[in-house]
Protein backbone atom coordinates (compact mmCIF):
# COMPACT_ATOMS: atom_id res chain seq x y z
CA MET A 1 0.00 0.00 0.00
CA ASP A 2 1.07 3.60 -0.71
CA ASN A 3 1.33 5.30 2.69
CA SER A 4 1.81 8.83 1.34
CA ALA A 5 -1.51 8.90 -0.52
CA ILE A 6 -4.69 9.20 1.54
CA ILE A 7 -6.82 8.78 -1.59
CA LYS A 8 -5.78 6.73 -4.57
CA THR A 9 -8.01 5.66 -7.45
CA GLN A 10 -6.98 3.54 -10.39
CA ALA A 11 -8.85 3.58 -13.69
CA LEU A 12 -11.98 4.78 -11.89
CA SER A 13 -14.89 4.85 -14.34
CA TYR A 14 -18.61 5.20 -13.85
CA TYR A 15 -21.70 4.72 -16.00
CA TYR A 16 -25.02 6.33 -15.07
CA SER A 17 -26.49 4.21 -17.84
CA ALA A 18 -25.23 1.76 -20.42
CA GLN A 19 -25.02 4.60 -22.95
CA GLU A 20 -23.71 7.33 -20.64
CA LYS A 21 -20.11 7.08 -19.38
CA THR A 22 -19.70 9.84 -16.79
CA LEU A 23 -16.12 9.12 -15.66
CA SER A 24 -13.33 7.59 -17.68
CA GLU A 25 -10.13 6.12 -16.20
CA ILE A 26 -9.71 8.61 -13.32
CA ASN A 27 -6.39 8.15 -11.49
CA LEU A 28 -6.78 10.50 -8.56
CA ARG A 29 -4.00 10.81 -5.97
CA VAL A 30 -4.41 12.95 -2.86
CA GLU A 31 -1.29 13.16 -0.71
CA GLN A 32 -1.50 13.11 3.07
CA GLY A 33 -1.41 16.64 4.49
CA SER A 34 -2.27 18.29 1.18
CA VAL A 35 -5.04 20.64 0.11
CA TYR A 36 -6.09 19.21 -3.25
CA GLY A 37 -8.07 21.42 -5.62
CA PHE A 38 -10.30 19.35 -7.91
CA LEU A 39 -11.16 21.68 -10.78
CA GLY A 40 -13.63 21.46 -13.60
CA PRO A 41 -16.71 23.13 -15.09
CA ASN A 42 -20.18 22.07 -14.02
CA GLY A 43 -20.99 18.64 -15.41
CA SER A 44 -17.34 17.59 -15.70
CA GLY A 45 -17.64 14.72 -13.20
CA LYS A 46 -16.40 16.30 -9.96
CA THR A 47 -19.44 15.52 -7.81
CA THR A 48 -19.70 12.01 -9.27
CA THR A 49 -16.07 11.35 -8.36
CA LEU A 50 -16.50 12.64 -4.80
CA SER A 51 -19.74 10.67 -4.38
CA LEU A 52 -17.91 7.50 -5.41
CA LEU A 53 -15.13 8.21 -2.89
CA LEU A 54 -17.75 8.46 -0.14
CA GLY A 55 -19.61 5.32 -1.20
CA LEU A 56 -22.72 7.31 -2.16
CA LEU A 57 -22.77 5.70 -5.61
CA GLU A 58 -22.34 2.00 -6.21
CA SER A 59 -20.80 -0.25 -8.86
CA PRO A 60 -17.90 1.83 -10.19
CA HIS A 61 -15.28 0.30 -12.45
CA GLY A 62 -11.70 0.46 -11.20
CA SER A 63 -10.44 0.69 -7.64
CA ILE A 64 -10.67 3.19 -4.75
CA GLU A 65 -8.19 3.14 -1.88
CA ILE A 66 -8.56 5.49 1.10
CA PHE A 67 -6.18 5.42 4.09
CA GLY A 68 -4.42 2.52 2.37
CA GLU A 69 -7.51 0.29 2.35
CA HIS A 70 -9.91 -0.65 -0.42
CA LEU A 71 -13.10 1.35 0.16
CA TYR A 72 -15.54 -1.54 -0.04
CA ALA A 73 -13.42 -3.79 2.18
CA ASN A 74 -13.84 -1.46 5.17
CA ARG A 75 -16.35 1.19 4.10
CA ILE A 76 -17.73 2.05 7.56
CA GLY A 77 -14.30 2.23 9.19
CA ILE A 78 -13.00 4.48 6.42
CA LEU A 79 -16.00 6.81 6.42
CA LYS A 80 -15.69 7.33 10.17
CA LYS A 81 -12.43 9.17 9.47
CA ILE A 82 -13.91 11.42 6.75
CA GLY A 83 -15.88 14.64 7.08
CA SER A 84 -17.77 15.73 3.98
CA LEU A 85 -19.94 18.43 2.49
CA ILE A 86 -21.48 17.34 -0.80
CA GLU A 87 -23.73 20.00 -2.32
CA SER A 88 -25.55 21.45 0.73
CA SER A 89 -26.07 20.21 4.27
CA SER A 90 -29.49 19.83 5.84
CA LEU A 91 -29.62 22.67 8.34
CA TYR A 92 -32.62 23.50 10.51
CA GLY A 93 -33.48 27.16 10.05
CA HIS A 94 -35.44 27.48 13.32
CA LEU A 95 -32.50 26.20 15.41
CA THR A 96 -29.28 27.92 16.47
CA ALA A 97 -25.85 26.81 15.23
CA LYS A 98 -25.22 24.90 18.45
CA GLU A 99 -28.65 23.26 18.38
CA ASN A 100 -28.08 22.13 14.79
CA LEU A 101 -24.84 20.44 15.79
CA GLU A 102 -26.50 18.82 18.81
CA VAL A 103 -28.95 17.11 16.44
CA TYR A 104 -26.05 15.29 14.76
CA ARG A 105 -23.74 14.94 17.76
CA ALA A 106 -25.03 11.54 18.86
CA VAL A 107 -24.88 10.18 15.31
CA TYR A 108 -21.17 10.97 15.16
CA GLY A 109 -20.49 9.99 18.76
CA ALA A 110 -19.07 13.45 19.43
CA THR A 111 -18.86 15.07 22.86
CA LYS A 112 -20.56 18.30 23.92
CA ALA A 113 -17.11 19.83 24.17
CA ARG A 114 -16.50 18.96 20.50
CA VAL A 115 -19.60 20.96 19.51
CA ASP A 116 -18.17 24.08 21.16
CA GLU A 117 -14.75 23.35 19.67
CA VAL A 118 -15.91 23.13 16.05
CA LEU A 119 -18.01 26.28 16.43
CA GLN A 120 -14.87 28.10 17.54
CA ILE A 121 -12.86 26.62 14.66
CA VAL A 122 -15.30 27.92 12.03
CA GLY A 123 -15.75 31.29 13.73
CA LEU A 124 -19.31 30.76 14.97
CA GLY A 125 -18.52 30.55 18.68
CA ASP A 126 -20.32 33.82 19.32
CA ALA A 127 -23.42 33.12 17.16
CA GLY A 128 -25.38 32.64 20.40
CA LYS A 129 -29.16 32.35 20.09
CA LYS A 130 -29.33 33.61 16.52
CA THR A 131 -31.27 31.09 14.43
CA VAL A 132 -29.82 29.70 11.21
CA LYS A 133 -32.53 31.26 9.04
CA LYS A 134 -31.03 34.64 9.97
CA PHE A 135 -27.51 33.58 9.00
CA SER A 136 -25.73 34.90 5.93
CA LEU A 137 -24.87 32.35 3.25
CA GLY A 138 -21.25 32.43 4.41
CA MET A 139 -22.27 31.66 7.99
CA LYS A 140 -24.46 28.77 6.81
CA GLN A 141 -21.55 27.37 4.82
CA ARG A 142 -19.23 27.58 7.82
CA LEU A 143 -21.86 25.83 9.95
CA SER A 144 -22.07 23.07 7.31
CA ILE A 145 -18.29 22.66 7.56
CA ALA A 146 -18.57 22.59 11.37
CA LEU A 147 -21.00 19.71 10.95
CA ALA A 148 -18.45 17.89 8.76
CA LEU A 149 -15.81 18.48 11.45
CA LEU A 150 -17.83 16.93 14.30
CA PRO A 151 -16.28 13.44 13.99
CA THR A 152 -12.73 14.91 14.11
CA PRO A 153 -11.94 13.69 10.58
CA GLU A 154 -8.50 13.06 9.14
CA LEU A 155 -9.83 13.84 5.66
CA LEU A 156 -12.26 16.61 4.72
CA VAL A 157 -14.11 16.46 1.38
CA LEU A 158 -15.84 19.66 0.24
CA ASP A 159 -17.85 19.88 -2.97
CA GLU A 160 -18.05 23.44 -4.36
CA PRO A 161 -18.10 25.04 -0.86
CA SER A 162 -17.74 28.60 -2.21
CA ASN A 163 -20.84 28.41 -4.44
CA GLY A 164 -22.94 31.53 -4.03
CA LEU A 165 -20.62 33.21 -1.54
CA ASP A 166 -19.79 36.90 -1.83
CA PRO A 167 -16.11 37.96 -1.93
CA ALA A 168 -15.96 38.35 1.88
CA GLY A 169 -17.45 34.89 2.35
CA ILE A 170 -14.96 33.38 -0.08
CA ILE A 171 -12.04 34.96 1.82
CA GLU A 172 -13.41 33.60 5.13
CA LEU A 173 -13.76 30.14 3.61
CA ARG A 174 -10.26 30.25 2.16
CA GLU A 175 -8.71 31.21 5.50
CA LEU A 176 -10.70 28.49 7.27
CA ILE A 177 -9.48 25.80 4.88
CA LYS A 178 -5.86 26.92 5.22
CA ARG A 179 -6.20 26.93 9.01
CA LEU A 180 -7.75 23.45 9.12
CA ASN A 181 -4.87 22.16 7.03
CA LYS A 182 -2.01 23.87 8.86
CA GLU A 183 -3.22 23.97 12.46
CA HIS A 184 -5.29 20.78 12.59
CA GLY A 185 -3.25 18.65 10.17
CA MET A 186 -6.25 17.86 8.04
CA THR A 187 -6.00 16.63 4.45
CA ILE A 188 -8.59 18.46 2.35
CA LEU A 189 -10.07 17.61 -1.05
CA ILE A 190 -12.02 20.58 -2.40
CA SER A 191 -13.83 20.77 -5.73
CA SER A 192 -14.49 24.04 -7.48
CA HIS A 193 -14.86 25.86 -10.78
CA LEU A 194 -13.53 29.12 -9.29
CA LEU A 195 -10.04 28.73 -10.65
CA GLY A 196 -8.26 31.82 -9.39
CA GLU A 197 -9.67 31.33 -5.90
CA VAL A 198 -8.56 27.71 -5.59
CA GLU A 199 -5.02 28.67 -6.55
CA LYS A 200 -4.78 30.71 -3.33
CA MET A 201 -5.46 27.80 -0.98
CA VAL A 202 -4.29 24.51 -2.52
CA SER A 203 -1.00 22.63 -2.68
CA HIS A 204 -2.08 20.17 -5.39
CA VAL A 205 -4.38 20.46 -8.40
CA GLY A 206 -6.35 18.06 -10.55
CA ILE A 207 -8.26 19.30 -13.61
CA ILE A 208 -11.14 17.29 -15.01
CA LEU A 209 -13.26 17.80 -18.13
CA LYS A 210 -16.00 15.59 -19.53
CA GLY A 211 -15.06 12.81 -17.12
CA ARG A 212 -11.35 12.76 -17.99
CA MET A 213 -8.36 14.01 -16.01
CA LEU A 214 -6.41 16.61 -17.98
CA PHE A 215 -3.78 17.57 -15.42
CA GLN A 216 -2.68 16.44 -11.95
CA GLY A 217 0.28 17.60 -9.89
CA THR A 218 1.55 20.01 -7.26
CA LEU A 219 0.84 23.72 -7.53
CA SER A 220 4.55 24.34 -8.21
CA GLU A 221 4.46 21.79 -11.06
CA LEU A 222 1.43 23.58 -12.41
CA HIS A 223 3.20 26.94 -12.18
CA SER A 224 6.20 25.49 -14.00
CA PHE A 225 3.85 24.27 -16.70
CA GLN A 226 2.19 27.69 -16.79
CA GLN A 227 5.48 29.56 -17.27
CA LYS A 228 6.28 27.47 -20.30
CA GLY A 229 3.01 28.66 -21.79
CA SER A 230 3.47 32.42 -21.19
CA ARG A 231 3.85 34.29 -24.48
CA LEU A 232 4.47 37.86 -25.63
CA PHE A 233 2.39 39.01 -28.60
CA ILE A 234 4.11 41.67 -30.72
CA ARG A 235 2.84 43.81 -33.58
CA THR A 236 5.25 46.09 -35.47
CA SER A 237 5.57 48.10 -38.66
CA ASP A 238 7.13 45.01 -40.27
CA ASN A 239 6.09 41.75 -38.60
CA GLU A 240 8.06 39.62 -41.06
CA ARG A 241 11.25 41.51 -40.18
CA ALA A 242 10.45 41.18 -36.45
CA TYR A 243 9.98 37.43 -36.95
CA GLN A 244 13.46 37.18 -38.49
CA LEU A 245 15.08 39.32 -35.76
CA LEU A 246 13.59 37.18 -32.98
CA GLN A 247 14.67 33.76 -34.28
CA ASP A 248 16.56 33.06 -31.03
CA GLN A 249 13.24 33.40 -29.16
CA GLN A 250 11.50 30.65 -31.21
CA PRO A 251 8.85 33.00 -32.61
CA LEU A 252 5.47 31.96 -33.92
CA LYS A 253 3.41 33.80 -36.51
CA THR A 254 -0.12 34.48 -35.34
CA ASP A 255 -3.00 36.47 -36.78
CA GLY A 256 -1.48 39.89 -37.46
CA ALA A 257 1.28 39.48 -34.86
CA VAL A 258 4.37 37.57 -33.82
CA SER A 259 4.52 35.75 -30.47
CA VAL A 260 7.51 34.56 -28.45
CA ALA A 261 7.88 32.73 -25.13
CA PHE A 262 8.94 34.99 -22.26
CA HIS A 263 9.78 34.73 -18.57
CA ASP A 264 9.85 38.23 -17.07
CA ASP A 265 9.48 41.98 -17.67
CA HIS A 266 13.23 42.41 -18.26
CA GLN A 267 13.02 40.10 -21.25
CA ILE A 268 10.08 42.10 -22.66
CA ALA A 269 12.13 45.32 -22.40
CA THR A 270 15.09 43.68 -24.16
CA ILE A 271 12.89 42.49 -27.03
CA ASN A 272 11.35 45.95 -27.39
CA ARG A 273 14.79 47.61 -27.44
CA THR A 274 16.09 45.14 -30.05
CA LEU A 275 13.20 45.83 -32.40
CA MET A 276 13.44 49.62 -32.04
CA GLN A 277 17.21 49.60 -32.58
CA GLN A 278 16.56 47.84 -35.90
CA GLY A 279 14.28 50.67 -36.99
CA LEU A 280 10.92 48.96 -36.37
CA ASP A 281 7.95 50.80 -34.87
CA VAL A 282 6.46 48.67 -32.07
CA TYR A 283 2.68 49.00 -31.98
CA LEU A 284 1.83 46.23 -29.52
CA LEU A 285 3.55 44.34 -26.71
CA ASN A 286 0.93 42.12 -25.09
CA PRO A 287 2.24 39.63 -22.50
CA GLN A 288 -0.24 36.83 -21.81
CA LYS A 289 0.75 34.87 -18.74
CA ASN A 290 -0.71 31.40 -18.66
CA ASP A 291 -2.18 31.64 -15.16
CA LEU A 292 -4.31 28.87 -13.71
CA GLU A 293 -7.45 30.19 -15.35
CA GLN A 294 -5.78 30.55 -18.75
CA LEU A 295 -4.23 27.09 -18.39
CA PHE A 296 -7.66 25.70 -17.61
CA ILE A 297 -9.15 27.41 -20.66
CA ASP A 298 -6.29 26.12 -22.83
CA LEU A 299 -6.58 22.56 -21.53
CA THR A 300 -10.33 22.40 -21.87
CA SER A 301 -10.46 24.06 -25.30
CA SER A 302 -7.77 21.70 -26.61
CA GLN A 303 -9.88 18.73 -25.56
CA SER A 304 -13.25 19.98 -26.82
């Protein structure tokens, strides 16, 4: 067994019907202690994958290992160590945050002290007698996460937790996830289609489209991949001449412009100076950095 991976799937596939293959050969690997961002547009297979990991859907093809054990060999034992939020939790609007957690406390075998502890962790320790129906969406989401934390999980699985949140709510959620990971040692698998936001909280990334994994690796590996894709688009008074002058930069001819790979602003200035010294008028210098969102667009468009 692979001790460094808390979640490991091999050739995981799923059919909702004989004609409809929702997932195809998913090899997901979530390292212990990581925050793994599972990215993809709506309908790409994220929720199906997470539902399979939690045993909410049956009869997948391929294998699922969690905590080094095959899921169906010890499903109950494995699930006891997982906290999850898939879509939205069932919260009682007429009850307070604490009363909501008390409803589920016995189910999870949690202590009264644990209820107070998780409320403090998610920043709802002072919610008092305010009922949930008066909560903001961000507060409701944090209460849902508190519910997932009741069993003191080693692994937290969150499906699109920032859906519908305003910018302040997203920042609160991001800080909470980072704190759970760093201060409580929790491994977190979080799905999202908010690409730029996920980049600020994860250590690893997996990108899925139409049921297929397009990329998987650490955030630094992703950034390395991104840098290779950053290009400078140049338009001059003589693009053909510019193309010849920039042969060392491996130029490409594009629609009405020339593009070259670049790494930093200093390189852009050098290119500009070279062209001007050769008597060319430079009309456009447009650096396009292949950030996570652009990478996602590139990966998905190349597969469509």
